[in-house]
Amino acid sequence: MAPSRTRLACLIVLAVAWAAASRAEVPCPRCTCVSPQYGTPEEAVVEALYAAEAVFMGEVIEIRTRSGIECDRVEGCSDPDRHRRGESPVESVLVGFRGESSWKGVGNDESTIAVATQFQESACGYFFDAGRRYLVYAYDYDKDGQLTTNLCARTRPAEVAGFDIGVLSRQVQSFQGAAE
């Protein structure tokens, strides 16, 4: 009888260990950005301006999934039924901005500027919060008209964007002066 109890105890321990291991969270790889080296910080801002489709300052007024679920922030904003519909687990979130200033690509008179980003940091999504102001560098990667941004762009909260705003304003003024 002793071998049977020992065998049973081993099976129970293995079952518990397997159950714990299968529920353990597996860390997701972090987003990795490759940043070119520039001679000066100003050069980095100027290069980002020229590479972007749009550069603007705006307040986040809406965050929602493509299926219409509204969220207060991008982080974790996803449609829980995507997997049941057989859709990709990587979902972009649409962020609506009320534009305040524009340096490129969008007019100051546009009522809402829509920008997509991923809802996961591991997919380089930018975690916007509703009601907060941001300087946004947006790109049209797929050439389909949908502006997109991510952690690797120079997008940042307005309160820490003063340096960029100064460089952008000087750059646009010098460009306008040269065109006249």
Protein backbone atom coordinates (compact mmCIF):
# COMPACT_ATOMS: atom_id res chain seq x y z
CA MET A 1 0.00 0.00 0.00
CA ALA A 2 2.86 2.39 0.71
CA PRO A 3 3.96 2.53 -2.95
CA SER A 4 0.42 3.39 -4.03
CA ARG A 5 0.18 6.27 -1.57
CA THR A 6 3.59 7.56 -2.60
CA ARG A 7 2.62 7.34 -6.26
CA LEU A 8 -0.67 9.13 -5.55
CA ALA A 9 1.10 11.86 -3.56
CA CYS A 10 3.56 12.37 -6.45
CA LEU A 11 0.71 12.62 -8.95
CA ILE A 12 -1.05 15.21 -6.78
CA VAL A 13 2.14 17.26 -6.42
CA LEU A 14 2.75 17.09 -10.19
CA ALA A 15 -0.84 18.09 -10.94
CA VAL A 16 -0.64 21.07 -8.59
CA ALA A 17 2.73 22.12 -10.01
CA TRP A 18 1.42 21.84 -13.58
CA ALA A 19 -1.69 23.86 -12.73
CA ALA A 20 0.41 26.58 -11.08
CA ALA A 21 2.83 26.71 -13.99
CA SER A 22 0.07 26.93 -16.58
CA ARG A 23 -1.45 29.91 -14.74
CA ALA A 24 1.82 31.72 -14.22
CA GLU A 25 2.12 34.94 -16.15
CA VAL A 26 4.67 34.86 -18.89
CA PRO A 27 6.36 38.23 -19.23
CA CYS A 28 5.84 39.87 -22.62
CA PRO A 29 8.85 41.29 -24.36
CA ARG A 30 9.11 45.06 -24.14
CA CYS A 31 8.92 47.34 -27.13
CA THR A 32 12.39 48.03 -28.49
CA CYS A 33 13.03 51.27 -30.34
CA VAL A 34 16.07 51.85 -32.49
CA SER A 35 16.95 55.54 -32.34
CA PRO A 36 19.40 57.04 -34.78
CA GLN A 37 22.15 59.17 -33.27
CA TYR A 38 21.95 62.88 -33.96
CA GLY A 39 24.58 65.56 -33.43
CA THR A 40 22.23 67.71 -31.35
CA PRO A 41 18.83 67.31 -29.70
CA GLU A 42 17.49 69.92 -32.15
CA GLU A 43 18.42 67.67 -35.08
CA ALA A 44 16.35 64.84 -33.57
CA VAL A 45 13.26 67.09 -33.42
CA VAL A 46 13.79 68.42 -36.97
CA GLU A 47 14.21 64.88 -38.34
CA ALA A 48 11.05 63.73 -36.54
CA LEU A 49 9.16 66.71 -38.02
CA TYR A 50 10.23 65.86 -41.56
CA ALA A 51 9.59 62.13 -41.17
CA ALA A 52 6.09 62.51 -39.71
CA GLU A 53 2.88 62.91 -41.69
CA ALA A 54 1.46 65.13 -38.94
CA VAL A 55 2.79 66.94 -35.88
CA PHE A 56 0.28 68.64 -33.60
CA MET A 57 -0.66 69.51 -30.04
CA GLY A 58 -4.03 68.28 -28.86
CA GLU A 59 -6.19 67.12 -25.98
CA VAL A 60 -7.43 63.53 -25.89
CA ILE A 61 -11.22 63.66 -26.08
CA GLU A 62 -11.96 60.03 -26.97
CA ILE A 63 -10.35 56.59 -26.71
CA ARG A 64 -12.08 53.55 -28.19
CA THR A 65 -11.43 50.18 -29.73
CA ARG A 66 -12.18 49.66 -33.40
CA SER A 67 -15.29 47.74 -32.32
CA GLY A 68 -16.53 50.82 -30.43
CA ILE A 69 -15.71 50.07 -26.78
CA GLU A 70 -14.91 53.38 -25.05
CA CYS A 71 -12.05 53.65 -22.54
CA ASP A 72 -10.50 56.31 -20.30
CA ARG A 73 -6.98 55.29 -21.23
CA VAL A 74 -5.23 53.30 -23.95
CA GLU A 75 -3.51 50.87 -21.59
CA GLY A 76 -5.61 47.72 -21.51
CA CYS A 77 -8.30 49.14 -23.82
CA SER A 78 -9.30 46.08 -25.81
CA ASP A 79 -12.29 44.12 -26.96
CA PRO A 80 -12.46 40.93 -24.85
CA ASP A 81 -14.43 39.11 -27.56
CA ARG A 82 -11.75 39.45 -30.29
CA HIS A 83 -10.40 35.95 -29.70
CA ARG A 84 -13.88 34.39 -29.99
CA ARG A 85 -14.34 36.06 -33.36
CA GLY A 86 -10.99 34.65 -34.48
CA GLU A 87 -9.39 38.10 -34.75
CA SER A 88 -5.81 38.97 -33.97
CA PRO A 89 -5.09 39.58 -30.28
CA VAL A 90 -3.12 42.71 -31.24
CA GLU A 91 -5.65 45.48 -31.55
CA SER A 92 -5.15 49.10 -32.34
CA VAL A 93 -7.03 51.71 -30.37
CA LEU A 94 -8.34 54.91 -31.93
CA VAL A 95 -7.58 58.09 -30.03
CA GLY A 96 -9.48 61.27 -30.85
CA PHE A 97 -7.76 64.61 -30.26
CA ARG A 98 -9.10 68.15 -30.19
CA GLY A 99 -6.32 69.91 -32.08
CA GLU A 100 -4.83 73.05 -30.56
CA SER A 101 -1.74 73.74 -32.67
CA SER A 102 -0.31 72.14 -35.78
CA TRP A 103 3.16 72.17 -37.23
CA LYS A 104 2.49 69.75 -40.06
CA GLY A 105 -0.21 67.66 -41.75
CA VAL A 106 -3.41 68.69 -40.01
CA GLY A 107 -5.22 72.01 -39.90
CA ASN A 108 -5.94 73.87 -36.69
CA ASP A 109 -9.59 73.96 -37.79
CA GLU A 110 -10.04 70.17 -37.82
CA SER A 111 -12.56 69.32 -35.11
CA THR A 112 -11.17 65.87 -34.26
CA ILE A 113 -7.89 64.28 -35.25
CA ALA A 114 -7.94 60.47 -35.10
CA VAL A 115 -4.70 58.63 -34.34
CA ALA A 116 -4.30 54.88 -33.90
CA THR A 117 -1.93 53.18 -31.45
CA GLN A 118 -1.64 49.69 -29.98
CA PHE A 119 -3.21 48.99 -26.59
CA GLN A 120 -0.17 47.00 -25.43
CA GLU A 121 3.19 48.41 -24.47
CA SER A 122 4.87 45.27 -25.81
CA ALA A 123 3.46 46.21 -29.26
CA CYS A 124 4.88 49.75 -28.81
CA GLY A 125 1.49 51.29 -28.06
CA TYR A 126 1.50 54.80 -26.60
CA PHE A 127 -0.57 55.00 -23.42
CA PHE A 128 -2.70 58.12 -23.84
CA ASP A 129 -5.09 59.23 -21.10
CA ALA A 130 -8.41 60.98 -21.79
CA GLY A 131 -8.40 64.67 -20.89
CA ARG A 132 -4.64 65.03 -21.12
CA ARG A 133 -2.77 67.15 -23.71
CA TYR A 134 -0.01 65.70 -25.92
CA LEU A 135 2.43 66.73 -28.62
CA VAL A 136 1.85 64.02 -31.23
CA TYR A 137 4.15 62.92 -34.03
CA ALA A 138 1.95 60.76 -36.29
CA TYR A 139 2.75 58.62 -39.31
CA ASP A 140 0.79 56.93 -42.10
CA TYR A 141 2.73 53.67 -42.12
CA ASP A 142 0.23 51.76 -44.27
CA LYS A 143 -0.41 54.70 -46.62
CA ASP A 144 -4.13 54.31 -46.01
CA GLY A 145 -4.75 57.73 -44.50
CA GLN A 146 -4.88 56.44 -40.89
CA LEU A 147 -2.45 58.35 -38.70
CA THR A 148 -0.56 56.20 -36.19
CA THR A 149 1.86 56.83 -33.35
CA ASN A 150 3.79 54.65 -30.93
CA LEU A 151 6.35 54.63 -28.14
CA CYS A 152 9.19 55.05 -30.62
CA ALA A 153 7.89 58.36 -31.97
CA ARG A 154 8.67 61.62 -30.16
CA THR A 155 5.04 61.82 -28.96
CA ARG A 156 4.93 63.09 -25.38
CA PRO A 157 2.73 64.80 -22.79
CA ALA A 158 2.43 68.57 -23.33
CA GLU A 159 3.98 69.37 -19.95
CA VAL A 160 7.32 67.86 -21.04
CA ALA A 161 7.21 68.95 -24.69
CA GLY A 162 8.51 72.51 -24.30
CA PHE A 163 11.86 71.84 -25.96
CA ASP A 164 10.23 70.18 -28.99
CA ILE A 165 7.63 72.95 -29.29
CA GLY A 166 10.35 75.61 -29.36
CA VAL A 167 12.34 73.78 -32.05
CA LEU A 168 9.21 73.04 -34.10
CA SER A 169 8.08 76.67 -34.00
CA ARG A 170 11.51 77.99 -35.03
CA GLN A 171 11.75 75.38 -37.80
CA VAL A 172 8.33 76.18 -39.26
CA GLN A 173 9.02 79.95 -39.04
CA SER A 174 12.35 79.58 -40.84
CA PHE A 175 10.70 77.42 -43.51
CA GLN A 176 7.91 79.96 -44.02
CA GLY A 177 10.46 82.78 -44.16
CA ALA A 178 12.47 80.96 -46.83
CA ALA A 179 9.33 80.34 -48.91
CA GLU A 180 8.40 84.04 -49.01
